[in-house]
Amino acid sequence: MNDFMRYNPPKFNGKMSTNEGQKLEYATFLSIGETEYWWGGMQQMMEARDKAINWANFRTRFMG
């Protein structure tokens, strides 16, 4: 978290507009530890099964 905060990210105020690709990028960028490991394996599995790697599929699997 300290490394992340060094970049002085903007505060989320609910008015920011993000597209589906950005949501996936942000979520995976913030993943650490077991979650980062889980996502790496999940990406490989999805690629092997020709599943789209996008926000909707990430969210479905993450919340699953």
PDB file of N, CA and C in Angstrom:
ATOM      1  N   MET A   1       0.831  -1.184   0.000  1.00  0.00           N
ATOM      2  CA  MET A   1       0.000   0.000   0.000  1.00  0.00           C
ATOM      3  C   MET A   1       0.878   1.250   0.000  1.00  0.00           C
ATOM      4  N   ASN A   2       1.969   1.195   0.730  1.00  0.00           N
ATOM      5  CA  ASN A   2       2.861   2.359   0.757  1.00  0.00           C
ATOM      6  C   ASN A   2       3.404   2.685  -0.629  1.00  0.00           C
ATOM      7  N   ASP A   3       3.786   1.637  -1.381  1.00  0.00           N
ATOM      8  CA  ASP A   3       4.278   1.853  -2.740  1.00  0.00           C
ATOM      9  C   ASP A   3       3.201   2.506  -3.598  1.00  0.00           C
ATOM     10  N   PHE A   4       1.982   2.014  -3.472  1.00  0.00           N
ATOM     11  CA  PHE A   4       0.859   2.560  -4.240  1.00  0.00           C
ATOM     12  C   PHE A   4       0.619   4.021  -3.879  1.00  0.00           C
ATOM     13  N   MET A   5       0.609   4.332  -2.602  1.00  0.00           N
ATOM     14  CA  MET A   5       0.310   5.685  -2.141  1.00  0.00           C
ATOM     15  C   MET A   5       1.402   6.684  -2.536  1.00  0.00           C
ATOM     16  N   ARG A   6       2.604   6.197  -2.779  1.00  0.00           N
ATOM     17  CA  ARG A   6       3.689   7.064  -3.213  1.00  0.00           C
ATOM     18  C   ARG A   6       3.370   7.772  -4.528  1.00  0.00           C
ATOM     19  N   TYR A   7       2.520   7.150  -5.335  1.00  0.00           N
ATOM     20  CA  TYR A   7       2.133   7.736  -6.613  1.00  0.00           C
ATOM     21  C   TYR A   7       1.030   8.778  -6.477  1.00  0.00           C
ATOM     22  N   ASN A   8       0.581   8.996  -5.249  1.00  0.00           N
ATOM     23  CA  ASN A   8      -0.425   9.998  -4.952  1.00  0.00           C
ATOM     24  C   ASN A   8      -1.678   9.864  -5.834  1.00  0.00           C
ATOM     25  N   PRO A   9      -2.339   8.693  -5.770  1.00  0.00           N
ATOM     26  CA  PRO A   9      -3.522   8.499  -6.608  1.00  0.00           C
ATOM     27  C   PRO A   9      -4.646   9.432  -6.186  1.00  0.00           C
ATOM     28  N   PRO A  10      -5.514   9.808  -7.126  1.00  0.00           N
ATOM     29  CA  PRO A  10      -6.625  10.695  -6.769  1.00  0.00           C
ATOM     30  C   PRO A  10      -7.634   9.971  -5.890  1.00  0.00           C
ATOM     31  N   LYS A  11      -8.315  10.713  -5.068  1.00  0.00           N
ATOM     32  CA  LYS A  11      -9.376  10.159  -4.220  1.00  0.00           C
ATOM     33  C   LYS A  11     -10.587   9.861  -5.088  1.00  0.00           C
ATOM     34  N   PHE A  12     -11.276   8.779  -4.785  1.00  0.00           N
ATOM     35  CA  PHE A  12     -12.469   8.430  -5.540  1.00  0.00           C
ATOM     36  C   PHE A  12     -13.644   9.209  -4.973  1.00  0.00           C
ATOM     37  N   ASN A  13     -14.311   9.961  -5.839  1.00  0.00           N
ATOM     38  CA  ASN A  13     -15.418  10.778  -5.362  1.00  0.00           C
ATOM     39  C   ASN A  13     -16.759  10.332  -5.946  1.00  0.00           C
ATOM     40  N   GLY A  14     -16.770   9.225  -6.662  1.00  0.00           N
ATOM     41  CA  GLY A  14     -18.006   8.721  -7.243  1.00  0.00           C
ATOM     42  C   GLY A  14     -18.376   9.372  -8.557  1.00  0.00           C
ATOM     43  N   LYS A  15     -17.654  10.415  -8.942  1.00  0.00           N
ATOM     44  CA  LYS A  15     -17.957  11.131 -10.180  1.00  0.00           C
ATOM     45  C   LYS A  15     -17.010  10.739 -11.302  1.00  0.00           C
ATOM     46  N   MET A  16     -16.054   9.899 -10.978  1.00  0.00           N
ATOM     47  CA  MET A  16     -15.085   9.493 -11.998  1.00  0.00           C
ATOM     48  C   MET A  16     -15.733   8.533 -12.977  1.00  0.00           C
ATOM     49  N   SER A  17     -15.420   8.713 -14.221  1.00  0.00           N
ATOM     50  CA  SER A  17     -15.942   7.846 -15.267  1.00  0.00           C
ATOM     51  C   SER A  17     -14.851   6.865 -15.670  1.00  0.00           C
ATOM     52  N   THR A  18     -15.130   5.589 -15.562  1.00  0.00           N
ATOM     53  CA  THR A  18     -14.176   4.571 -15.978  1.00  0.00           C
ATOM     54  C   THR A  18     -14.869   3.594 -16.912  1.00  0.00           C
ATOM     55  N   ASN A  19     -14.111   3.138 -17.901  1.00  0.00           N
ATOM     56  CA  ASN A  19     -14.681   2.146 -18.795  1.00  0.00           C
ATOM     57  C   ASN A  19     -14.383   0.751 -18.256  1.00  0.00           C
ATOM     58  N   GLU A  20     -14.932  -0.264 -18.894  1.00  0.00           N
ATOM     59  CA  GLU A  20     -14.795  -1.638 -18.406  1.00  0.00           C
ATOM     60  C   GLU A  20     -13.331  -2.076 -18.374  1.00  0.00           C
ATOM     61  N   GLY A  21     -12.549  -1.684 -19.374  1.00  0.00           N
ATOM     62  CA  GLY A  21     -11.135  -2.041 -19.406  1.00  0.00           C
ATOM     63  C   GLY A  21     -10.363  -1.425 -18.254  1.00  0.00           C
ATOM     64  N   GLN A  22     -10.685  -0.180 -17.926  1.00  0.00           N
ATOM     65  CA  GLN A  22     -10.003   0.488 -16.820  1.00  0.00           C
ATOM     66  C   GLN A  22     -10.347  -0.165 -15.489  1.00  0.00           C
ATOM     67  N   LYS A  23     -11.572  -0.579 -15.320  1.00  0.00           N
ATOM     68  CA  LYS A  23     -11.968  -1.252 -14.080  1.00  0.00           C
ATOM     69  C   LYS A  23     -11.124  -2.501 -13.862  1.00  0.00           C
ATOM     70  N   LEU A  24     -10.939  -3.288 -14.919  1.00  0.00           N
ATOM     71  CA  LEU A  24     -10.133  -4.501 -14.813  1.00  0.00           C
ATOM     72  C   LEU A  24      -8.687  -4.150 -14.498  1.00  0.00           C
ATOM     73  N   GLU A  25      -8.147  -3.148 -15.180  1.00  0.00           N
ATOM     74  CA  GLU A  25      -6.769  -2.731 -14.922  1.00  0.00           C
ATOM     75  C   GLU A  25      -6.583  -2.278 -13.479  1.00  0.00           C
ATOM     76  N   TYR A  26      -7.483  -1.464 -12.982  1.00  0.00           N
ATOM     77  CA  TYR A  26      -7.376  -0.956 -11.612  1.00  0.00           C
ATOM     78  C   TYR A  26      -7.471  -2.081 -10.595  1.00  0.00           C
ATOM     79  N   ALA A  27      -8.433  -2.958 -10.782  1.00  0.00           N
ATOM     80  CA  ALA A  27      -8.631  -4.057  -9.823  1.00  0.00           C
ATOM     81  C   ALA A  27      -7.428  -4.985  -9.789  1.00  0.00           C
ATOM     82  N   THR A  28      -6.889  -5.318 -10.951  1.00  0.00           N
ATOM     83  CA  THR A  28      -5.750  -6.235 -10.964  1.00  0.00           C
ATOM     84  C   THR A  28      -4.471  -5.544 -10.499  1.00  0.00           C
ATOM     85  N   PHE A  29      -4.348  -4.242 -10.755  1.00  0.00           N
ATOM     86  CA  PHE A  29      -3.187  -3.504 -10.279  1.00  0.00           C
ATOM     87  C   PHE A  29      -3.146  -3.481  -8.749  1.00  0.00           C
ATOM     88  N   LEU A  30      -4.302  -3.392  -8.138  1.00  0.00           N
ATOM     89  CA  LEU A  30      -4.374  -3.317  -6.685  1.00  0.00           C
ATOM     90  C   LEU A  30      -4.326  -4.686  -6.011  1.00  0.00           C
ATOM     91  N   SER A  31      -4.339  -5.746  -6.781  1.00  0.00           N
ATOM     92  CA  SER A  31      -4.306  -7.095  -6.211  1.00  0.00           C
ATOM     93  C   SER A  31      -2.909  -7.430  -5.721  1.00  0.00           C
ATOM     94  N   ILE A  32      -2.837  -7.975  -4.520  1.00  0.00           N
ATOM     95  CA  ILE A  32      -1.553  -8.388  -3.947  1.00  0.00           C
ATOM     96  C   ILE A  32      -1.722  -9.753  -3.290  1.00  0.00           C
ATOM     97  N   GLY A  33      -0.618 -10.379  -2.988  1.00  0.00           N
ATOM     98  CA  GLY A  33      -0.629 -11.625  -2.237  1.00  0.00           C
ATOM     99  C   GLY A  33      -1.428 -12.727  -2.911  1.00  0.00           C
ATOM    100  N   GLU A  34      -2.284 -13.373  -2.143  1.00  0.00           N
ATOM    101  CA  GLU A  34      -3.065 -14.494  -2.650  1.00  0.00           C
ATOM    102  C   GLU A  34      -3.989 -14.090  -3.787  1.00  0.00           C
ATOM    103  N   THR A  35      -4.515 -12.885  -3.744  1.00  0.00           N
ATOM    104  CA  THR A  35      -5.408 -12.426  -4.805  1.00  0.00           C
ATOM    105  C   THR A  35      -4.651 -12.275  -6.117  1.00  0.00           C
ATOM    106  N   GLU A  36      -3.443 -11.747  -6.042  1.00  0.00           N
ATOM    107  CA  GLU A  36      -2.616 -11.604  -7.240  1.00  0.00           C
ATOM    108  C   GLU A  36      -2.286 -12.981  -7.820  1.00  0.00           C
ATOM    109  N   TYR A  37      -1.957 -13.928  -6.959  1.00  0.00           N
ATOM    110  CA  TYR A  37      -1.664 -15.299  -7.378  1.00  0.00           C
ATOM    111  C   TYR A  37      -2.904 -15.940  -7.998  1.00  0.00           C
ATOM    112  N   TRP A  38      -4.062 -15.750  -7.354  1.00  0.00           N
ATOM    113  CA  TRP A  38      -5.323 -16.295  -7.859  1.00  0.00           C
ATOM    114  C   TRP A  38      -5.610 -15.751  -9.254  1.00  0.00           C
ATOM    115  N   TRP A  39      -5.453 -14.448  -9.453  1.00  0.00           N
ATOM    116  CA  TRP A  39      -5.775 -13.850 -10.738  1.00  0.00           C
ATOM    117  C   TRP A  39      -4.845 -14.357 -11.832  1.00  0.00           C
ATOM    118  N   GLY A  40      -3.574 -14.540 -11.520  1.00  0.00           N
ATOM    119  CA  GLY A  40      -2.638 -15.081 -12.511  1.00  0.00           C
ATOM    120  C   GLY A  40      -3.087 -16.451 -13.002  1.00  0.00           C
ATOM    121  N   GLY A  41      -3.480 -17.317 -12.068  1.00  0.00           N
ATOM    122  CA  GLY A  41      -3.972 -18.640 -12.435  1.00  0.00           C
ATOM    123  C   GLY A  41      -5.289 -18.571 -13.184  1.00  0.00           C
ATOM    124  N   MET A  42      -6.163 -17.683 -12.757  1.00  0.00           N
ATOM    125  CA  MET A  42      -7.467 -17.542 -13.397  1.00  0.00           C
ATOM    126  C   MET A  42      -7.298 -17.052 -14.832  1.00  0.00           C
ATOM    127  N   GLN A  43      -6.394 -16.112 -15.057  1.00  0.00           N
ATOM    128  CA  GLN A  43      -6.138 -15.612 -16.409  1.00  0.00           C
ATOM    129  C   GLN A  43      -5.663 -16.738 -17.322  1.00  0.00           C
ATOM    130  N   GLN A  44      -4.750 -17.545 -16.827  1.00  0.00           N
ATOM    131  CA  GLN A  44      -4.242 -18.665 -17.622  1.00  0.00           C
ATOM    132  C   GLN A  44      -5.363 -19.636 -17.969  1.00  0.00           C
ATOM    133  N   MET A  45      -6.208 -19.946 -17.001  1.00  0.00           N
ATOM    134  CA  MET A  45      -7.314 -20.859 -17.226  1.00  0.00           C
ATOM    135  C   MET A  45      -8.294 -20.277 -18.257  1.00  0.00           C
ATOM    136  N   MET A  46      -8.598 -18.986 -18.124  1.00  0.00           N
ATOM    137  CA  MET A  46      -9.523 -18.342 -19.049  1.00  0.00           C
ATOM    138  C   MET A  46      -8.952 -18.318 -20.465  1.00  0.00           C
ATOM    139  N   GLU A  47      -7.675 -18.025 -20.594  1.00  0.00           N
ATOM    140  CA  GLU A  47      -7.042 -18.014 -21.914  1.00  0.00           C
ATOM    141  C   GLU A  47      -7.085 -19.401 -22.540  1.00  0.00           C
ATOM    142  N   ALA A  48      -6.805 -20.428 -21.752  1.00  0.00           N
ATOM    143  CA  ALA A  48      -6.816 -21.797 -22.257  1.00  0.00           C
ATOM    144  C   ALA A  48      -8.206 -22.214 -22.725  1.00  0.00           C
ATOM    145  N   ARG A  49      -9.230 -21.652 -22.119  1.00  0.00           N
ATOM    146  CA  ARG A  49     -10.610 -21.999 -22.474  1.00  0.00           C
ATOM    147  C   ARG A  49     -11.229 -20.982 -23.436  1.00  0.00           C
ATOM    148  N   ASP A  50     -10.417 -20.094 -23.969  1.00  0.00           N
ATOM    149  CA  ASP A  50     -10.880 -19.056 -24.901  1.00  0.00           C
ATOM    150  C   ASP A  50     -11.976 -18.171 -24.318  1.00  0.00           C
ATOM    151  N   LYS A  51     -11.882 -17.863 -23.044  1.00  0.00           N
ATOM    152  CA  LYS A  51     -12.827 -16.956 -22.389  1.00  0.00           C
ATOM    153  C   LYS A  51     -12.255 -15.542 -22.437  1.00  0.00           C
ATOM    154  N   ALA A  52     -13.114 -14.572 -22.641  1.00  0.00           N
ATOM    155  CA  ALA A  52     -12.677 -13.180 -22.673  1.00  0.00           C
ATOM    156  C   ALA A  52     -12.186 -12.749 -21.295  1.00  0.00           C
ATOM    157  N   ILE A  53     -11.064 -12.050 -21.285  1.00  0.00           N
ATOM    158  CA  ILE A  53     -10.541 -11.509 -20.039  1.00  0.00           C
ATOM    159  C   ILE A  53     -11.008 -10.062 -19.984  1.00  0.00           C
ATOM    160  N   ASN A  54     -12.107  -9.857 -19.286  1.00  0.00           N
ATOM    161  CA  ASN A  54     -12.704  -8.529 -19.201  1.00  0.00           C
ATOM    162  C   ASN A  54     -13.292  -8.322 -17.805  1.00  0.00           C
ATOM    163  N   TRP A  55     -13.785  -7.121 -17.557  1.00  0.00           N
ATOM    164  CA  TRP A  55     -14.299  -6.765 -16.238  1.00  0.00           C
ATOM    165  C   TRP A  55     -15.446  -7.672 -15.805  1.00  0.00           C
ATOM    166  N   ALA A  56     -16.379  -7.945 -16.697  1.00  0.00           N
ATOM    167  CA  ALA A  56     -17.540  -8.770 -16.332  1.00  0.00           C
ATOM    168  C   ALA A  56     -17.107 -10.170 -15.901  1.00  0.00           C
ATOM    169  N   ASN A  57     -16.194 -10.774 -16.649  1.00  0.00           N
ATOM    170  CA  ASN A  57     -15.738 -12.119 -16.288  1.00  0.00           C
ATOM    171  C   ASN A  57     -14.873 -12.108 -15.033  1.00  0.00           C
ATOM    172  N   PHE A  58     -14.050 -11.080 -14.872  1.00  0.00           N
ATOM    173  CA  PHE A  58     -13.259 -10.960 -13.647  1.00  0.00           C
ATOM    174  C   PHE A  58     -14.194 -10.868 -12.442  1.00  0.00           C
ATOM    175  N   ARG A  59     -15.155  -9.982 -12.534  1.00  0.00           N
ATOM    176  CA  ARG A  59     -16.086  -9.764 -11.426  1.00  0.00           C
ATOM    177  C   ARG A  59     -16.877 -11.019 -11.086  1.00  0.00           C
ATOM    178  N   THR A  60     -17.346 -11.711 -12.103  1.00  0.00           N
ATOM    179  CA  THR A  60     -18.089 -12.954 -11.891  1.00  0.00           C
ATOM    180  C   THR A  60     -17.249 -13.965 -11.129  1.00  0.00           C
ATOM    181  N   ARG A  61     -16.012 -14.133 -11.553  1.00  0.00           N
ATOM    182  CA  ARG A  61     -15.142 -15.122 -10.905  1.00  0.00           C
ATOM    183  C   ARG A  61     -14.696 -14.655  -9.523  1.00  0.00           C
ATOM    184  N   PHE A  62     -14.414 -13.376  -9.392  1.00  0.00           N
ATOM    185  CA  PHE A  62     -13.952 -12.847  -8.106  1.00  0.00           C
ATOM    186  C   PHE A  62     -15.041 -12.915  -7.042  1.00  0.00           C
ATOM    187  N   MET A  63     -16.262 -12.579  -7.432  1.00  0.00           N
ATOM    188  CA  MET A  63     -17.366 -12.564  -6.486  1.00  0.00           C
ATOM    189  C   MET A  63     -17.962 -13.960  -6.291  1.00  0.00           C
ATOM    190  N   GLY A  64     -17.661 -14.862  -7.249  1.00  0.00           N
ATOM    191  CA  GLY A  64     -18.210 -16.196  -7.316  1.00  0.00           C
ATOM    192  C   GLY A  64     -18.339 -16.915  -6.088  1.00  0.00           C
TER     193      GLY A  64
END
